[in-house]
C-alpha cells in the first residue's frame, strides 16, 4: 500500500512540473497497472480504452491527443 501511495505522489509531483502542452510526458496518477507510466509509453489498446471510458476528463483529452500523434488517421 505504501509503495502505491509513493508511486502516486511521485507521478503527481512530476505532472505538476509540466506545462499543459507536455501531455506525452504526463504520468498516470490513478491506481492500476499503469500507475506512474508516461502517456507516451502506454500501449495503444489502453489509450483507446481511456478515450472511451474516462468521459470528459482531461485524461481522455490527453489520450485522444496521444492517439492522434501515433496515428494521423485519427482526427
PDB file of N, CA and C in Angstrom:
ATOM      1  N   UNK A   1       0.821  -1.198   0.000  1.00  0.00           N
ATOM      2  CA  UNK A   1       0.000   0.000   0.000  1.00  0.00           C
ATOM      3  C   UNK A   1       0.863   1.258   0.000  1.00  0.00           C
ATOM      4  N   UNK A   2       1.913   1.265   0.794  1.00  0.00           N
ATOM      5  CA  UNK A   2       2.787   2.441   0.847  1.00  0.00           C
ATOM      6  C   UNK A   2       3.452   2.700  -0.487  1.00  0.00           C
ATOM      7  N   UNK A   3       3.877   1.628  -1.171  1.00  0.00           N
ATOM      8  CA  UNK A   3       4.565   1.818  -2.443  1.00  0.00           C
ATOM      9  C   UNK A   3       3.621   2.401  -3.485  1.00  0.00           C
ATOM     10  N   UNK A   4       2.331   2.014  -3.459  1.00  0.00           N
ATOM     11  CA  UNK A   4       1.356   2.595  -4.386  1.00  0.00           C
ATOM     12  C   UNK A   4       1.167   4.079  -4.103  1.00  0.00           C
ATOM     13  N   UNK A   5       1.082   4.434  -2.825  1.00  0.00           N
ATOM     14  CA  UNK A   5       0.919   5.838  -2.449  1.00  0.00           C
ATOM     15  C   UNK A   5       2.143   6.641  -2.874  1.00  0.00           C
ATOM     16  N   UNK A   6       3.315   6.092  -2.646  1.00  0.00           N
ATOM     17  CA  UNK A   6       4.541   6.782  -3.034  1.00  0.00           C
ATOM     18  C   UNK A   6       4.619   6.944  -4.552  1.00  0.00           C
ATOM     19  N   UNK A   7       4.236   5.901  -5.276  1.00  0.00           N
ATOM     20  CA  UNK A   7       4.243   5.950  -6.741  1.00  0.00           C
ATOM     21  C   UNK A   7       3.275   7.026  -7.245  1.00  0.00           C
ATOM     22  N   UNK A   8       2.095   7.088  -6.613  1.00  0.00           N
ATOM     23  CA  UNK A   8       1.097   8.079  -6.997  1.00  0.00           C
ATOM     24  C   UNK A   8       1.595   9.495  -6.707  1.00  0.00           C
ATOM     25  N   UNK A   9       2.180   9.694  -5.528  1.00  0.00           N
ATOM     26  CA  UNK A   9       2.690  11.027  -5.165  1.00  0.00           C
ATOM     27  C   UNK A   9       3.823  11.461  -6.107  1.00  0.00           C
ATOM     28  N   UNK A  10       4.688  10.538  -6.470  1.00  0.00           N
ATOM     29  CA  UNK A  10       5.770  10.840  -7.400  1.00  0.00           C
ATOM     30  C   UNK A  10       5.210  11.258  -8.752  1.00  0.00           C
ATOM     31  N   UNK A  11       4.201  10.536  -9.225  1.00  0.00           N
ATOM     32  CA  UNK A  11       3.574  10.870 -10.509  1.00  0.00           C
ATOM     33  C   UNK A  11       2.901  12.237 -10.451  1.00  0.00           C
ATOM     34  N   UNK A  12       2.216  12.526  -9.355  1.00  0.00           N
ATOM     35  CA  UNK A  12       1.557  13.833  -9.207  1.00  0.00           C
ATOM     36  C   UNK A  12       2.575  14.971  -9.200  1.00  0.00           C
ATOM     37  N   UNK A  13       3.658  14.788  -8.474  1.00  0.00           N
ATOM     38  CA  UNK A  13       4.707  15.815  -8.433  1.00  0.00           C
ATOM     39  C   UNK A  13       5.295  16.036  -9.825  1.00  0.00           C
ATOM     40  N   UNK A  14       5.539  14.957 -10.542  1.00  0.00           N
ATOM     41  CA  UNK A  14       6.075  15.044 -11.897  1.00  0.00           C
ATOM     42  C   UNK A  14       5.123  15.845 -12.790  1.00  0.00           C
ATOM     43  N   UNK A  15       3.838  15.502 -12.760  1.00  0.00           N
ATOM     44  CA  UNK A  15       2.849  16.169 -13.611  1.00  0.00           C
ATOM     45  C   UNK A  15       2.717  17.646 -13.282  1.00  0.00           C
ATOM     46  N   UNK A  16       2.871  18.007 -12.026  1.00  0.00           N
ATOM     47  CA  UNK A  16       2.749  19.412 -11.634  1.00  0.00           C
ATOM     48  C   UNK A  16       3.857  20.274 -12.229  1.00  0.00           C
ATOM     49  N   UNK A  17       4.976  19.668 -12.574  1.00  0.00           N
ATOM     50  CA  UNK A  17       6.088  20.421 -13.156  1.00  0.00           C
ATOM     51  C   UNK A  17       5.932  20.624 -14.663  1.00  0.00           C
ATOM     52  N   UNK A  18       4.991  19.943 -15.272  1.00  0.00           N
ATOM     53  CA  UNK A  18       4.834  20.008 -16.722  1.00  0.00           C
ATOM     54  C   UNK A  18       3.847  21.091 -17.129  1.00  0.00           C
ATOM     55  N   UNK A  19       4.047  21.624 -18.317  1.00  0.00           N
ATOM     56  CA  UNK A  19       3.058  22.552 -18.857  1.00  0.00           C
ATOM     57  C   UNK A  19       1.943  21.738 -19.505  1.00  0.00           C
ATOM     58  N   UNK A  20       0.844  22.364 -19.818  1.00  0.00           N
ATOM     59  CA  UNK A  20      -0.303  21.679 -20.417  1.00  0.00           C
ATOM     60  C   UNK A  20       0.054  21.062 -21.769  1.00  0.00           C
ATOM     61  N   UNK A  21       1.015  21.623 -22.479  1.00  0.00           N
ATOM     62  CA  UNK A  21       1.368  21.112 -23.800  1.00  0.00           C
ATOM     63  C   UNK A  21       2.251  19.880 -23.747  1.00  0.00           C
ATOM     64  N   UNK A  22       2.780  19.558 -22.591  1.00  0.00           N
ATOM     65  CA  UNK A  22       3.660  18.400 -22.457  1.00  0.00           C
ATOM     66  C   UNK A  22       2.877  17.162 -22.017  1.00  0.00           C
ATOM     67  N   UNK A  23       1.758  16.907 -22.685  1.00  0.00           N
ATOM     68  CA  UNK A  23       0.885  15.821 -22.271  1.00  0.00           C
ATOM     69  C   UNK A  23       1.532  14.451 -22.426  1.00  0.00           C
ATOM     70  N   UNK A  24       2.431  14.255 -23.391  1.00  0.00           N
ATOM     71  CA  UNK A  24       3.039  12.936 -23.589  1.00  0.00           C
ATOM     72  C   UNK A  24       3.927  12.540 -22.424  1.00  0.00           C
ATOM     73  N   UNK A  25       4.426  13.524 -21.686  1.00  0.00           N
ATOM     74  CA  UNK A  25       5.306  13.255 -20.546  1.00  0.00           C
ATOM     75  C   UNK A  25       4.524  13.036 -19.245  1.00  0.00           C
ATOM     76  N   UNK A  26       3.212  13.259 -19.282  1.00  0.00           N
ATOM     77  CA  UNK A  26       2.405  13.090 -18.071  1.00  0.00           C
ATOM     78  C   UNK A  26       2.402  11.628 -17.644  1.00  0.00           C
ATOM     79  N   UNK A  27       2.357  11.428 -16.349  1.00  0.00           N
ATOM     80  CA  UNK A  27       2.332  10.075 -15.779  1.00  0.00           C
ATOM     81  C   UNK A  27       0.938   9.788 -15.232  1.00  0.00           C
ATOM     82  N   UNK A  28       0.520   8.559 -15.391  1.00  0.00           N
ATOM     83  CA  UNK A  28      -0.788   8.141 -14.897  1.00  0.00           C
ATOM     84  C   UNK A  28      -0.787   8.250 -13.368  1.00  0.00           C
ATOM     85  N   UNK A  29      -1.816   8.908 -12.825  1.00  0.00           N
ATOM     86  CA  UNK A  29      -1.872   9.154 -11.389  1.00  0.00           C
ATOM     87  C   UNK A  29      -2.993   8.382 -10.701  1.00  0.00           C
ATOM     88  N   UNK A  30      -3.801   7.661 -11.454  1.00  0.00           N
ATOM     89  CA  UNK A  30      -4.846   6.875 -10.807  1.00  0.00           C
ATOM     90  C   UNK A  30      -4.381   5.428 -10.700  1.00  0.00           C
ATOM     91  N   UNK A  31      -4.854   4.759  -9.670  1.00  0.00           N
ATOM     92  CA  UNK A  31      -4.372   3.408  -9.364  1.00  0.00           C
ATOM     93  C   UNK A  31      -4.716   2.422 -10.465  1.00  0.00           C
ATOM     94  N   UNK A  32      -3.816   1.522 -10.680  1.00  0.00           N
ATOM     95  CA  UNK A  32      -3.999   0.484 -11.676  1.00  0.00           C
ATOM     96  C   UNK A  32      -2.651   0.023 -12.196  1.00  0.00           C
ATOM     97  N   UNK A  33      -2.697  -0.812 -13.178  1.00  0.00           N
ATOM     98  CA  UNK A  33      -1.495  -1.413 -13.743  1.00  0.00           C
ATOM     99  C   UNK A  33      -0.494  -0.376 -14.247  1.00  0.00           C
ATOM    100  N   UNK A  34      -0.974   0.749 -14.751  1.00  0.00           N
ATOM    101  CA  UNK A  34      -0.105   1.729 -15.389  1.00  0.00           C
ATOM    102  C   UNK A  34       0.192   2.958 -14.526  1.00  0.00           C
ATOM    103  N   UNK A  35      -0.036   2.874 -13.231  1.00  0.00           N
ATOM    104  CA  UNK A  35       0.264   3.963 -12.303  1.00  0.00           C
ATOM    105  C   UNK A  35       1.734   4.374 -12.443  1.00  0.00           C
ATOM    106  N   UNK A  36       1.972   5.652 -12.715  1.00  0.00           N
ATOM    107  CA  UNK A  36       3.326   6.177 -12.837  1.00  0.00           C
ATOM    108  C   UNK A  36       3.924   6.087 -14.238  1.00  0.00           C
ATOM    109  N   UNK A  37       3.221   5.467 -15.177  1.00  0.00           N
ATOM    110  CA  UNK A  37       3.727   5.307 -16.541  1.00  0.00           C
ATOM    111  C   UNK A  37       3.384   6.558 -17.363  1.00  0.00           C
ATOM    112  N   UNK A  38       4.314   7.001 -18.203  1.00  0.00           N
ATOM    113  CA  UNK A  38       4.074   8.157 -19.060  1.00  0.00           C
ATOM    114  C   UNK A  38       3.078   7.802 -20.166  1.00  0.00           C
ATOM    115  N   UNK A  39       2.274   8.773 -20.562  1.00  0.00           N
ATOM    116  CA  UNK A  39       1.285   8.559 -21.612  1.00  0.00           C
ATOM    117  C   UNK A  39       1.951   8.040 -22.879  1.00  0.00           C
ATOM    118  N   UNK A  40       3.100   8.583 -23.226  1.00  0.00           N
ATOM    119  CA  UNK A  40       3.761   8.152 -24.460  1.00  0.00           C
ATOM    120  C   UNK A  40       4.204   6.698 -24.410  1.00  0.00           C
ATOM    121  N   UNK A  41       4.291   6.107 -23.216  1.00  0.00           N
ATOM    122  CA  UNK A  41       4.736   4.724 -23.057  1.00  0.00           C
ATOM    123  C   UNK A  41       3.593   3.730 -22.871  1.00  0.00           C
ATOM    124  N   UNK A  42       2.364   4.231 -22.875  1.00  0.00           N
ATOM    125  CA  UNK A  42       1.212   3.354 -22.703  1.00  0.00           C
ATOM    126  C   UNK A  42       0.936   2.576 -23.992  1.00  0.00           C
ATOM    127  N   UNK A  43       0.430   1.344 -23.865  1.00  0.00           N
ATOM    128  CA  UNK A  43       0.047   0.604 -25.071  1.00  0.00           C
ATOM    129  C   UNK A  43      -1.178   1.244 -25.724  1.00  0.00           C
ATOM    130  N   UNK A  44      -1.260   1.124 -27.017  1.00  0.00           N
ATOM    131  CA  UNK A  44      -2.354   1.755 -27.768  1.00  0.00           C
ATOM    132  C   UNK A  44      -3.722   1.264 -27.301  1.00  0.00           C
ATOM    133  N   UNK A  45      -3.841  -0.010 -26.969  1.00  0.00           N
ATOM    134  CA  UNK A  45      -5.147  -0.514 -26.527  1.00  0.00           C
ATOM    135  C   UNK A  45      -5.611   0.186 -25.260  1.00  0.00           C
ATOM    136  N   UNK A  46      -4.689   0.573 -24.389  1.00  0.00           N
ATOM    137  CA  UNK A  46      -5.052   1.276 -23.163  1.00  0.00           C
ATOM    138  C   UNK A  46      -5.430   2.730 -23.468  1.00  0.00           C
ATOM    139  N   UNK A  47      -4.741   3.327 -24.423  1.00  0.00           N
ATOM    140  CA  UNK A  47      -5.086   4.690 -24.854  1.00  0.00           C
ATOM    141  C   UNK A  47      -6.531   4.711 -25.360  1.00  0.00           C
ATOM    142  N   UNK A  48      -6.877   3.740 -26.203  1.00  0.00           N
ATOM    143  CA  UNK A  48      -8.242   3.669 -26.744  1.00  0.00           C
ATOM    144  C   UNK A  48      -9.252   3.418 -25.627  1.00  0.00           C
ATOM    145  N   UNK A  49      -8.911   2.540 -24.679  1.00  0.00           N
ATOM    146  CA  UNK A  49      -9.799   2.285 -23.548  1.00  0.00           C
ATOM    147  C   UNK A  49     -10.052   3.579 -22.779  1.00  0.00           C
ATOM    148  N   UNK A  50      -8.996   4.348 -22.531  1.00  0.00           N
ATOM    149  CA  UNK A  50      -9.126   5.590 -21.778  1.00  0.00           C
ATOM    150  C   UNK A  50     -10.019   6.601 -22.462  1.00  0.00           C
ATOM    151  N   UNK A  51      -9.899   6.697 -23.779  1.00  0.00           N
ATOM    152  CA  UNK A  51     -10.736   7.638 -24.536  1.00  0.00           C
ATOM    153  C   UNK A  51     -12.213   7.271 -24.374  1.00  0.00           C
ATOM    154  N   UNK A  52     -12.502   5.984 -24.439  1.00  0.00           N
ATOM    155  CA  UNK A  52     -13.890   5.525 -24.357  1.00  0.00           C
ATOM    156  C   UNK A  52     -14.452   5.523 -22.942  1.00  0.00           C
ATOM    157  N   UNK A  53     -13.605   5.363 -21.930  1.00  0.00           N
ATOM    158  CA  UNK A  53     -14.098   5.150 -20.569  1.00  0.00           C
ATOM    159  C   UNK A  53     -13.848   6.275 -19.578  1.00  0.00           C
ATOM    160  N   UNK A  54     -13.045   7.247 -19.941  1.00  0.00           N
ATOM    161  CA  UNK A  54     -12.746   8.313 -18.981  1.00  0.00           C
ATOM    162  C   UNK A  54     -13.588   9.560 -19.198  1.00  0.00           C
ATOM    163  N   UNK A  55     -14.539   9.471 -20.105  1.00  0.00           N
ATOM    164  CA  UNK A  55     -15.507  10.543 -20.300  1.00  0.00           C
ATOM    165  C   UNK A  55     -14.886  11.864 -20.707  1.00  0.00           C
ATOM    166  N   UNK A  56     -15.329  12.924 -20.061  1.00  0.00           N
ATOM    167  CA  UNK A  56     -14.882  14.265 -20.436  1.00  0.00           C
ATOM    168  C   UNK A  56     -13.723  14.748 -19.571  1.00  0.00           C
ATOM    169  N   UNK A  57     -12.976  13.832 -18.990  1.00  0.00           N
ATOM    170  CA  UNK A  57     -11.850  14.230 -18.141  1.00  0.00           C
ATOM    171  C   UNK A  57     -10.674  14.707 -18.987  1.00  0.00           C
ATOM    172  N   UNK A  58      -9.742  15.381 -18.349  1.00  0.00           N
ATOM    173  CA  UNK A  58      -8.544  15.826 -19.069  1.00  0.00           C
ATOM    174  C   UNK A  58      -7.725  14.631 -19.529  1.00  0.00           C
ATOM    175  N   UNK A  59      -7.804  13.506 -18.799  1.00  0.00           N
ATOM    176  CA  UNK A  59      -7.072  12.304 -19.216  1.00  0.00           C
ATOM    177  C   UNK A  59      -7.559  11.818 -20.570  1.00  0.00           C
ATOM    178  N   UNK A  60      -8.870  11.825 -20.782  1.00  0.00           N
ATOM    179  CA  UNK A  60      -9.417  11.386 -22.067  1.00  0.00           C
ATOM    180  C   UNK A  60      -8.896  12.296 -23.180  1.00  0.00           C
ATOM    181  N   UNK A  61      -8.786  13.576 -22.909  1.00  0.00           N
ATOM    182  CA  UNK A  61      -8.251  14.532 -23.885  1.00  0.00           C
ATOM    183  C   UNK A  61      -6.775  14.249 -24.171  1.00  0.00           C
ATOM    184  N   UNK A  62      -5.994  14.018 -23.131  1.00  0.00           N
ATOM    185  CA  UNK A  62      -4.572  13.688 -23.321  1.00  0.00           C
ATOM    186  C   UNK A  62      -4.421  12.405 -24.128  1.00  0.00           C
ATOM    187  N   UNK A  63      -5.256  11.413 -23.817  1.00  0.00           N
ATOM    188  CA  UNK A  63      -5.194  10.140 -24.539  1.00  0.00           C
ATOM    189  C   UNK A  63      -5.570  10.329 -26.013  1.00  0.00           C
ATOM    190  N   UNK A  64      -6.592  11.134 -26.268  1.00  0.00           N
ATOM    191  CA  UNK A  64      -7.001  11.379 -27.659  1.00  0.00           C
ATOM    192  C   UNK A  64      -5.878  12.053 -28.439  1.00  0.00           C
ATOM    193  N   UNK A  65      -5.219  13.021 -27.819  1.00  0.00           N
ATOM    194  CA  UNK A  65      -4.098  13.680 -28.497  1.00  0.00           C
ATOM    195  C   UNK A  65      -2.948  12.709 -28.747  1.00  0.00           C
ATOM    196  N   UNK A  66      -2.701  11.813 -27.805  1.00  0.00           N
ATOM    197  CA  UNK A  66      -1.642  10.826 -27.986  1.00  0.00           C
ATOM    198  C   UNK A  66      -1.985   9.857 -29.120  1.00  0.00           C
ATOM    199  N   UNK A  67      -3.233   9.449 -29.208  1.00  0.00           N
ATOM    200  CA  UNK A  67      -3.636   8.556 -30.296  1.00  0.00           C
ATOM    201  C   UNK A  67      -3.479   9.254 -31.646  1.00  0.00           C
ATOM    202  N   UNK A  68      -3.824  10.527 -31.707  1.00  0.00           N
ATOM    203  CA  UNK A  68      -3.633  11.298 -32.943  1.00  0.00           C
ATOM    204  C   UNK A  68      -2.155  11.444 -33.286  1.00  0.00           C
ATOM    205  N   UNK A  69      -1.310  11.587 -32.273  1.00  0.00           N
ATOM    206  CA  UNK A  69       0.125  11.695 -32.509  1.00  0.00           C
ATOM    207  C   UNK A  69       0.668  10.393 -33.094  1.00  0.00           C
ATOM    208  N   UNK A  70       0.157   9.295 -32.581  1.00  0.00           N
ATOM    209  CA  UNK A  70       0.637   7.979 -33.051  1.00  0.00           C
ATOM    210  C   UNK A  70       0.096   7.618 -34.426  1.00  0.00           C
ATOM    211  N   UNK A  71      -1.147   7.984 -34.688  1.00  0.00           N
ATOM    212  CA  UNK A  71      -1.799   7.603 -35.935  1.00  0.00           C
ATOM    213  C   UNK A  71      -2.582   8.799 -36.472  1.00  0.00           C
ATOM    214  N   UNK A  72      -2.053   9.426 -37.491  1.00  0.00           N
ATOM    215  CA  UNK A  72      -2.656  10.651 -38.038  1.00  0.00           C
ATOM    216  C   UNK A  72      -4.043  10.433 -38.642  1.00  0.00           C
ATOM    217  N   UNK A  73      -4.435   9.172 -38.861  1.00  0.00           N
ATOM    218  CA  UNK A  73      -5.768   8.914 -39.422  1.00  0.00           C
ATOM    219  C   UNK A  73      -6.872   9.179 -38.394  1.00  0.00           C
ATOM    220  N   UNK A  74      -6.526   9.267 -37.107  1.00  0.00           N
ATOM    221  CA  UNK A  74      -7.493   9.604 -36.069  1.00  0.00           C
ATOM    222  C   UNK A  74      -7.546  11.112 -35.909  1.00  0.00           C
ATOM    223  N   UNK A  75      -8.567  11.710 -36.397  1.00  0.00           N
ATOM    224  CA  UNK A  75      -8.729  13.171 -36.297  1.00  0.00           C
ATOM    225  C   UNK A  75      -9.958  13.532 -35.524  1.00  0.00           C
TER     226      UNK A  75
END
